[in-house]
Amino acid sequence: MQLDSKLPHVGTTIFSIMSRMAAESNAINLSQGFPDFNAPRELLDAVTEAMLSGQNQYAPQNGVEELRVAIAKKSEAIYGANLDKDQEITVSSGASEAIFNAVTAVIHPGDEAILFDPAYDCYEPAIRLAGGVAKRIPLKFPSYDYDWDQVRDTLSPKTRLIMINSPHNPTGKILRDQDIEALTTIVRDHDCVLISDEVYEHIVFDGEPHRSFLKYPELRERSFVISSFGKTY
């Protein structure tokens, strides 16, 4: 039986290609975040204890309440964001699923979404599967700055979504205060949704703060903020 792909122009992910090449060459694999050490024994013991105590049933659709409470406390402690554990926090099976869910929730056929290149390779396929059109804007080499004038020129009545990744993968670029100000002005004048991919929120150097959208009320109210256990813990 032959199945026709909904994404015929999307080939094998670069992560799979580089991982295969690293294995074939017995080389260090820098394509993905594979730690070269095991998880802490305390964590392994805690997971084992939870499984042995019978915590193996289907979770609530938006995640286990105890976990959502912990996420809310962390968000308030770090970003000053008072999140409703029932209405504003959802636990997914990884950040990529959360991104897919957010994209497909807001993009309808014909809608446009703005991405910044280089972009994580799951962004555009999700947009296309939802019937949307990706509008790609390159970050300016060599500093990988955002070109907010080009963003304004790219906006149209069809623009439904802007996707931001900070700290950025793979460049390490982080949003600065002037970026937050520019983006806030743009969305104030153009009613669109934001997806803020913040999975590297705790990997920031040189004393710089991570500028989460949770800290800025005008951005927060129109944003899906994506975080990840895998990149931090």
C-alpha atoms as a PDB file:
ATOM      1  CA  MET A   1       0.000   0.000   0.000  1.00  0.00           C
ATOM      2  CA  GLN A   2       1.396   3.390  -1.021  1.00  0.00           C
ATOM      3  CA  LEU A   3       0.741   6.350   1.247  1.00  0.00           C
ATOM      4  CA  ASP A   4       1.026   9.895  -0.063  1.00  0.00           C
ATOM      5  CA  SER A   5       2.920  12.171   2.307  1.00  0.00           C
ATOM      6  CA  LYS A   6       1.246  15.376   3.436  1.00  0.00           C
ATOM      7  CA  LEU A   7       4.739  16.901   3.508  1.00  0.00           C
ATOM      8  CA  PRO A   8       6.416  15.540   0.366  1.00  0.00           C
ATOM      9  CA  HIS A   9       9.123  18.211   0.391  1.00  0.00           C
ATOM     10  CA  VAL A  10      10.239  17.530   3.973  1.00  0.00           C
ATOM     11  CA  GLY A  11      13.099  15.059   3.937  1.00  0.00           C
ATOM     12  CA  THR A  12      14.913  13.275   6.734  1.00  0.00           C
ATOM     13  CA  THR A  13      15.580  15.579   9.664  1.00  0.00           C
ATOM     14  CA  ILE A  14      19.122  16.930   9.887  1.00  0.00           C
ATOM     15  CA  PHE A  15      19.352  15.545  13.420  1.00  0.00           C
ATOM     16  CA  SER A  16      18.880  11.993  12.140  1.00  0.00           C
ATOM     17  CA  ILE A  17      21.400  12.542   9.353  1.00  0.00           C
ATOM     18  CA  MET A  18      24.086  13.943  11.654  1.00  0.00           C
ATOM     19  CA  SER A  19      23.487  11.307  14.329  1.00  0.00           C
ATOM     20  CA  ARG A  20      23.912   8.560  11.722  1.00  0.00           C
ATOM     21  CA  MET A  21      27.095  10.181  10.402  1.00  0.00           C
ATOM     22  CA  ALA A  22      28.497  10.503  13.917  1.00  0.00           C
ATOM     23  CA  ALA A  23      27.790   6.829  14.610  1.00  0.00           C
ATOM     24  CA  GLU A  24      29.338   5.725  11.310  1.00  0.00           C
ATOM     25  CA  SER A  25      32.448   7.839  11.913  1.00  0.00           C
ATOM     26  CA  ASN A  26      32.725   7.136  15.642  1.00  0.00           C
ATOM     27  CA  ALA A  27      32.668  10.916  16.094  1.00  0.00           C
ATOM     28  CA  ILE A  28      31.362  13.121  18.882  1.00  0.00           C
ATOM     29  CA  ASN A  29      27.698  13.863  18.149  1.00  0.00           C
ATOM     30  CA  LEU A  30      27.018  17.580  18.549  1.00  0.00           C
ATOM     31  CA  SER A  31      23.767  17.519  16.575  1.00  0.00           C
ATOM     32  CA  GLN A  32      21.568  16.878  19.613  1.00  0.00           C
ATOM     33  CA  GLY A  33      21.770  17.395  23.346  1.00  0.00           C
ATOM     34  CA  PHE A  34      22.961  13.938  24.334  1.00  0.00           C
ATOM     35  CA  PRO A  35      24.641  14.176  27.780  1.00  0.00           C
ATOM     36  CA  ASP A  36      27.680  11.942  28.197  1.00  0.00           C
ATOM     37  CA  PHE A  37      26.694  11.099  31.782  1.00  0.00           C
ATOM     38  CA  ASN A  38      23.835   9.226  33.402  1.00  0.00           C
ATOM     39  CA  ALA A  39      20.923  10.776  35.288  1.00  0.00           C
ATOM     40  CA  PRO A  40      21.505  11.400  39.026  1.00  0.00           C
ATOM     41  CA  ARG A  41      20.873   8.354  41.198  1.00  0.00           C
ATOM     42  CA  GLU A  42      18.412  10.380  43.307  1.00  0.00           C
ATOM     43  CA  LEU A  43      16.272  11.006  40.226  1.00  0.00           C
ATOM     44  CA  LEU A  44      16.367   7.370  39.131  1.00  0.00           C
ATOM     45  CA  ASP A  45      15.368   6.274  42.640  1.00  0.00           C
ATOM     46  CA  ALA A  46      12.501   8.801  42.742  1.00  0.00           C
ATOM     47  CA  VAL A  47      11.148   7.658  39.361  1.00  0.00           C
ATOM     48  CA  THR A  48      11.406   4.012  40.415  1.00  0.00           C
ATOM     49  CA  GLU A  49       9.619   4.721  43.695  1.00  0.00           C
ATOM     50  CA  ALA A  50       6.816   6.535  41.861  1.00  0.00           C
ATOM     51  CA  MET A  51       6.309   3.607  39.492  1.00  0.00           C
ATOM     52  CA  LEU A  52       6.374   1.037  42.292  1.00  0.00           C
ATOM     53  CA  SER A  53       3.837   3.073  44.282  1.00  0.00           C
ATOM     54  CA  GLY A  54       1.285   2.738  41.477  1.00  0.00           C
ATOM     55  CA  GLN A  55       1.567   6.126  39.750  1.00  0.00           C
ATOM     56  CA  ASN A  56       1.169   4.544  36.327  1.00  0.00           C
ATOM     57  CA  GLN A  57      -2.314   5.590  35.216  1.00  0.00           C
ATOM     58  CA  TYR A  58      -3.425   8.017  32.517  1.00  0.00           C
ATOM     59  CA  ALA A  59      -2.621  11.558  33.559  1.00  0.00           C
ATOM     60  CA  PRO A  60      -5.192  14.379  33.426  1.00  0.00           C
ATOM     61  CA  GLN A  61      -5.342  15.930  29.970  1.00  0.00           C
ATOM     62  CA  ASN A  62      -3.496  19.082  31.042  1.00  0.00           C
ATOM     63  CA  GLY A  63      -0.991  17.247  33.260  1.00  0.00           C
ATOM     64  CA  VAL A  64      -0.730  16.034  36.845  1.00  0.00           C
ATOM     65  CA  GLU A  65      -1.925  18.763  39.207  1.00  0.00           C
ATOM     66  CA  GLU A  66       1.085  18.513  41.534  1.00  0.00           C
ATOM     67  CA  LEU A  67       3.398  19.114  38.579  1.00  0.00           C
ATOM     68  CA  ARG A  68       1.358  22.065  37.305  1.00  0.00           C
ATOM     69  CA  VAL A  69       1.462  23.615  40.782  1.00  0.00           C
ATOM     70  CA  ALA A  70       5.256  23.236  40.831  1.00  0.00           C
ATOM     71  CA  ILE A  71       5.545  24.848  37.380  1.00  0.00           C
ATOM     72  CA  ALA A  72       3.365  27.749  38.522  1.00  0.00           C
ATOM     73  CA  LYS A  73       5.546  28.289  41.604  1.00  0.00           C
ATOM     74  CA  LYS A  74       8.709  28.224  39.509  1.00  0.00           C
ATOM     75  CA  SER A  75       7.292  30.727  36.998  1.00  0.00           C
ATOM     76  CA  GLU A  76       6.316  33.107  39.781  1.00  0.00           C
ATOM     77  CA  ALA A  77       9.656  32.784  41.585  1.00  0.00           C
ATOM     78  CA  ILE A  78      11.767  33.378  38.467  1.00  0.00           C
ATOM     79  CA  TYR A  79       9.621  35.612  36.261  1.00  0.00           C
ATOM     80  CA  GLY A  80       7.063  37.105  38.637  1.00  0.00           C
ATOM     81  CA  ALA A  81       4.282  35.493  36.601  1.00  0.00           C
ATOM     82  CA  ASN A  82       1.206  34.433  38.565  1.00  0.00           C
ATOM     83  CA  LEU A  83      -0.096  31.601  36.372  1.00  0.00           C
ATOM     84  CA  ASP A  84      -3.378  29.763  36.824  1.00  0.00           C
ATOM     85  CA  LYS A  85      -2.464  26.077  37.114  1.00  0.00           C
ATOM     86  CA  ASP A  86      -5.749  25.005  35.520  1.00  0.00           C
ATOM     87  CA  GLN A  87      -6.185  27.594  32.763  1.00  0.00           C
ATOM     88  CA  GLU A  88      -2.631  28.605  31.796  1.00  0.00           C
ATOM     89  CA  ILE A  89      -0.396  25.543  32.231  1.00  0.00           C
ATOM     90  CA  THR A  90      -0.450  22.392  30.101  1.00  0.00           C
ATOM     91  CA  VAL A  91       2.047  19.535  30.325  1.00  0.00           C
ATOM     92  CA  SER A  92       2.870  17.840  27.016  1.00  0.00           C
ATOM     93  CA  SER A  93       5.054  14.939  25.910  1.00  0.00           C
ATOM     94  CA  GLY A  94       7.985  17.183  25.084  1.00  0.00           C
ATOM     95  CA  ALA A  95       8.378  20.692  23.707  1.00  0.00           C
ATOM     96  CA  SER A  96       7.989  19.626  20.068  1.00  0.00           C
ATOM     97  CA  GLU A  97       4.496  18.332  20.813  1.00  0.00           C
ATOM     98  CA  ALA A  98       3.676  21.573  22.624  1.00  0.00           C
ATOM     99  CA  ILE A  99       4.847  23.578  19.599  1.00  0.00           C
ATOM    100  CA  PHE A 100       2.775  21.427  17.237  1.00  0.00           C
ATOM    101  CA  ASN A 101      -0.297  21.748  19.457  1.00  0.00           C
ATOM    102  CA  ALA A 102       0.053  25.524  19.702  1.00  0.00           C
ATOM    103  CA  VAL A 103       0.572  25.977  15.960  1.00  0.00           C
ATOM    104  CA  THR A 104      -2.366  23.799  14.959  1.00  0.00           C
ATOM    105  CA  ALA A 105      -4.586  25.482  17.556  1.00  0.00           C
ATOM    106  CA  VAL A 106      -4.220  28.928  15.988  1.00  0.00           C
ATOM    107  CA  ILE A 107      -3.306  28.440  12.311  1.00  0.00           C
ATOM    108  CA  HIS A 108      -6.153  27.988   9.827  1.00  0.00           C
ATOM    109  CA  PRO A 109      -5.852  27.383   6.065  1.00  0.00           C
ATOM    110  CA  GLY A 110      -4.362  30.449   4.401  1.00  0.00           C
ATOM    111  CA  ASP A 111      -2.986  31.989   7.602  1.00  0.00           C
ATOM    112  CA  GLU A 112       0.611  33.202   7.586  1.00  0.00           C
ATOM    113  CA  ALA A 113       3.250  32.609  10.263  1.00  0.00           C
ATOM    114  CA  ILE A 114       6.555  34.466  10.567  1.00  0.00           C
ATOM    115  CA  LEU A 115       9.689  32.435  11.397  1.00  0.00           C
ATOM    116  CA  PHE A 116      13.287  33.526  11.876  1.00  0.00           C
ATOM    117  CA  ASP A 117      16.022  31.590  10.078  1.00  0.00           C
ATOM    118  CA  PRO A 118      17.754  29.431  11.026  1.00  0.00           C
ATOM    119  CA  ALA A 119      14.674  27.863  12.613  1.00  0.00           C
ATOM    120  CA  TYR A 120      14.093  24.582  14.421  1.00  0.00           C
ATOM    121  CA  ASP A 121      12.954  22.148  11.766  1.00  0.00           C
ATOM    122  CA  CYS A 122       9.615  21.236  13.365  1.00  0.00           C
ATOM    123  CA  TYR A 123       8.180  24.758  12.996  1.00  0.00           C
ATOM    124  CA  GLU A 124       7.339  24.923   9.302  1.00  0.00           C
ATOM    125  CA  PRO A 125       5.959  21.363   8.928  1.00  0.00           C
ATOM    126  CA  ALA A 126       3.428  22.082  11.693  1.00  0.00           C
ATOM    127  CA  ILE A 127       2.387  25.297   9.952  1.00  0.00           C
ATOM    128  CA  ARG A 128       2.008  23.566   6.590  1.00  0.00           C
ATOM    129  CA  LEU A 129       0.030  20.656   8.053  1.00  0.00           C
ATOM    130  CA  ALA A 130      -2.407  23.210   9.478  1.00  0.00           C
ATOM    131  CA  GLY A 131      -2.790  24.756   6.023  1.00  0.00           C
ATOM    132  CA  GLY A 132      -0.725  27.825   6.824  1.00  0.00           C
ATOM    133  CA  VAL A 133       2.100  29.573   4.978  1.00  0.00           C
ATOM    134  CA  ALA A 134       5.513  30.137   6.574  1.00  0.00           C
ATOM    135  CA  LYS A 135       7.154  33.515   5.977  1.00  0.00           C
ATOM    136  CA  ARG A 136      10.856  33.176   6.771  1.00  0.00           C
ATOM    137  CA  ILE A 137      13.036  36.113   7.819  1.00  0.00           C
ATOM    138  CA  PRO A 138      16.806  35.564   8.214  1.00  0.00           C
ATOM    139  CA  LEU A 139      18.563  36.713  11.354  1.00  0.00           C
ATOM    140  CA  LYS A 140      21.252  39.234  10.379  1.00  0.00           C
ATOM    141  CA  PHE A 141      24.738  37.710  10.219  1.00  0.00           C
ATOM    142  CA  PRO A 142      27.171  37.820  12.008  1.00  0.00           C
ATOM    143  CA  SER A 143      25.411  39.023  15.182  1.00  0.00           C
ATOM    144  CA  TYR A 144      22.117  37.287  14.279  1.00  0.00           C
ATOM    145  CA  ASP A 145      20.090  40.356  15.168  1.00  0.00           C
ATOM    146  CA  TYR A 146      16.367  40.548  14.474  1.00  0.00           C
ATOM    147  CA  ASP A 147      15.375  42.799  11.588  1.00  0.00           C
ATOM    148  CA  TRP A 148      12.190  44.310  12.975  1.00  0.00           C
ATOM    149  CA  ASP A 149      11.765  46.566   9.938  1.00  0.00           C
ATOM    150  CA  GLN A 150      11.595  43.458   7.760  1.00  0.00           C
ATOM    151  CA  VAL A 151       9.091  41.956  10.185  1.00  0.00           C
ATOM    152  CA  ARG A 152       6.868  45.014   9.741  1.00  0.00           C
ATOM    153  CA  ASP A 153       7.215  44.741   5.961  1.00  0.00           C
ATOM    154  CA  THR A 154       6.309  41.038   6.088  1.00  0.00           C
ATOM    155  CA  LEU A 155       3.190  41.506   8.198  1.00  0.00           C
ATOM    156  CA  SER A 156      -0.070  41.267   6.294  1.00  0.00           C
ATOM    157  CA  PRO A 157      -3.771  40.920   7.081  1.00  0.00           C
ATOM    158  CA  LYS A 158      -3.166  37.152   6.869  1.00  0.00           C
ATOM    159  CA  THR A 159      -0.441  37.104   9.546  1.00  0.00           C
ATOM    160  CA  ARG A 160      -1.728  35.037  12.440  1.00  0.00           C
ATOM    161  CA  LEU A 161       1.448  33.956  14.222  1.00  0.00           C
ATOM    162  CA  ILE A 162       5.027  35.036  14.988  1.00  0.00           C
ATOM    163  CA  MET A 163       7.396  32.364  16.333  1.00  0.00           C
ATOM    164  CA  ILE A 164      10.372  33.411  18.473  1.00  0.00           C
ATOM    165  CA  ASN A 165      13.131  31.161  19.837  1.00  0.00           C
ATOM    166  CA  SER A 166      15.285  32.671  22.598  1.00  0.00           C
ATOM    167  CA  PRO A 167      17.869  31.586  23.555  1.00  0.00           C
ATOM    168  CA  HIS A 168      18.117  30.682  19.905  1.00  0.00           C
ATOM    169  CA  ASN A 169      19.041  27.270  18.567  1.00  0.00           C
ATOM    170  CA  PRO A 170      21.601  26.991  17.013  1.00  0.00           C
ATOM    171  CA  THR A 171      23.138  30.497  17.220  1.00  0.00           C
ATOM    172  CA  GLY A 172      22.712  31.203  20.945  1.00  0.00           C
ATOM    173  CA  LYS A 173      21.182  34.610  20.169  1.00  0.00           C
ATOM    174  CA  ILE A 174      19.082  36.036  23.011  1.00  0.00           C
ATOM    175  CA  LEU A 175      16.421  38.718  22.979  1.00  0.00           C
ATOM    176  CA  ARG A 176      17.560  42.130  24.256  1.00  0.00           C
ATOM    177  CA  ASP A 177      15.448  44.879  25.795  1.00  0.00           C
ATOM    178  CA  GLN A 178      15.207  46.663  22.445  1.00  0.00           C
ATOM    179  CA  ASP A 179      13.889  43.463  20.840  1.00  0.00           C
ATOM    180  CA  ILE A 180      11.174  43.150  23.468  1.00  0.00           C
ATOM    181  CA  GLU A 181      10.206  46.789  22.923  1.00  0.00           C
ATOM    182  CA  ALA A 182      10.102  46.408  19.130  1.00  0.00           C
ATOM    183  CA  LEU A 183       8.040  43.225  19.254  1.00  0.00           C
ATOM    184  CA  THR A 184       5.629  44.705  21.791  1.00  0.00           C
ATOM    185  CA  THR A 185       5.024  47.679  19.509  1.00  0.00           C
ATOM    186  CA  ILE A 186       4.467  45.399  16.517  1.00  0.00           C
ATOM    187  CA  VAL A 187       1.890  43.157  18.184  1.00  0.00           C
ATOM    188  CA  ARG A 188       0.174  46.173  19.722  1.00  0.00           C
ATOM    189  CA  ASP A 189      -0.526  47.414  16.207  1.00  0.00           C
ATOM    190  CA  HIS A 190      -1.157  44.003  14.632  1.00  0.00           C
ATOM    191  CA  ASP A 191      -3.391  41.453  16.319  1.00  0.00           C
ATOM    192  CA  CYS A 192      -1.442  38.195  16.098  1.00  0.00           C
ATOM    193  CA  VAL A 193      -0.449  35.317  18.363  1.00  0.00           C
ATOM    194  CA  LEU A 194       3.088  34.595  19.588  1.00  0.00           C
ATOM    195  CA  ILE A 195       4.831  31.298  20.229  1.00  0.00           C
ATOM    196  CA  SER A 196       7.880  31.832  22.420  1.00  0.00           C
ATOM    197  CA  ASP A 197      10.129  28.770  22.309  1.00  0.00           C
ATOM    198  CA  GLU A 198      12.112  29.137  25.544  1.00  0.00           C
ATOM    199  CA  VAL A 199      13.433  25.610  25.996  1.00  0.00           C
ATOM    200  CA  TYR A 200      16.971  26.937  26.598  1.00  0.00           C
ATOM    201  CA  GLU A 201      15.788  29.500  29.163  1.00  0.00           C
ATOM    202  CA  HIS A 202      18.318  28.377  31.785  1.00  0.00           C
ATOM    203  CA  ILE A 203      21.326  28.195  29.457  1.00  0.00           C
ATOM    204  CA  VAL A 204      22.298  31.877  29.319  1.00  0.00           C
ATOM    205  CA  PHE A 205      25.809  33.211  29.873  1.00  0.00           C
ATOM    206  CA  ASP A 206      27.765  36.440  30.517  1.00  0.00           C
ATOM    207  CA  GLY A 207      25.421  37.545  33.279  1.00  0.00           C
ATOM    208  CA  GLU A 208      22.600  38.201  30.821  1.00  0.00           C
ATOM    209  CA  PRO A 209      19.016  37.586  31.986  1.00  0.00           C
ATOM    210  CA  HIS A 210      16.589  35.425  30.082  1.00  0.00           C
ATOM    211  CA  ARG A 211      13.785  37.693  28.909  1.00  0.00           C
ATOM    212  CA  SER A 212      10.806  35.365  29.107  1.00  0.00           C
ATOM    213  CA  PHE A 213       7.556  36.558  27.577  1.00  0.00           C
ATOM    214  CA  LEU A 214       5.998  35.682  30.934  1.00  0.00           C
ATOM    215  CA  LYS A 215       7.605  38.843  32.336  1.00  0.00           C
ATOM    216  CA  TYR A 216       5.888  41.220  29.907  1.00  0.00           C
ATOM    217  CA  PRO A 217       2.084  41.491  30.277  1.00  0.00           C
ATOM    218  CA  GLU A 218       1.423  42.681  26.705  1.00  0.00           C
ATOM    219  CA  LEU A 219       3.369  39.745  25.286  1.00  0.00           C
ATOM    220  CA  ARG A 220       2.210  37.180  27.815  1.00  0.00           C
ATOM    221  CA  GLU A 221      -1.488  37.728  27.114  1.00  0.00           C
ATOM    222  CA  ARG A 222      -1.073  36.644  23.474  1.00  0.00           C
ATOM    223  CA  SER A 223       1.685  34.032  23.882  1.00  0.00           C
ATOM    224  CA  PHE A 224       2.207  30.317  24.120  1.00  0.00           C
ATOM    225  CA  VAL A 225       5.425  30.021  26.156  1.00  0.00           C
ATOM    226  CA  ILE A 226       7.159  26.677  25.572  1.00  0.00           C
ATOM    227  CA  SER A 227       9.565  25.326  28.201  1.00  0.00           C
ATOM    228  CA  SER A 228      11.301  21.962  28.477  1.00  0.00           C
ATOM    229  CA  PHE A 229      12.405  19.619  31.234  1.00  0.00           C
ATOM    230  CA  GLY A 230      14.829  17.898  28.887  1.00  0.00           C
ATOM    231  CA  LYS A 231      17.010  20.943  28.230  1.00  0.00           C
ATOM    232  CA  THR A 232      17.318  21.822  31.926  1.00  0.00           C
ATOM    233  CA  TYR A 233      16.934  18.777  34.123  1.00  0.00           C
END
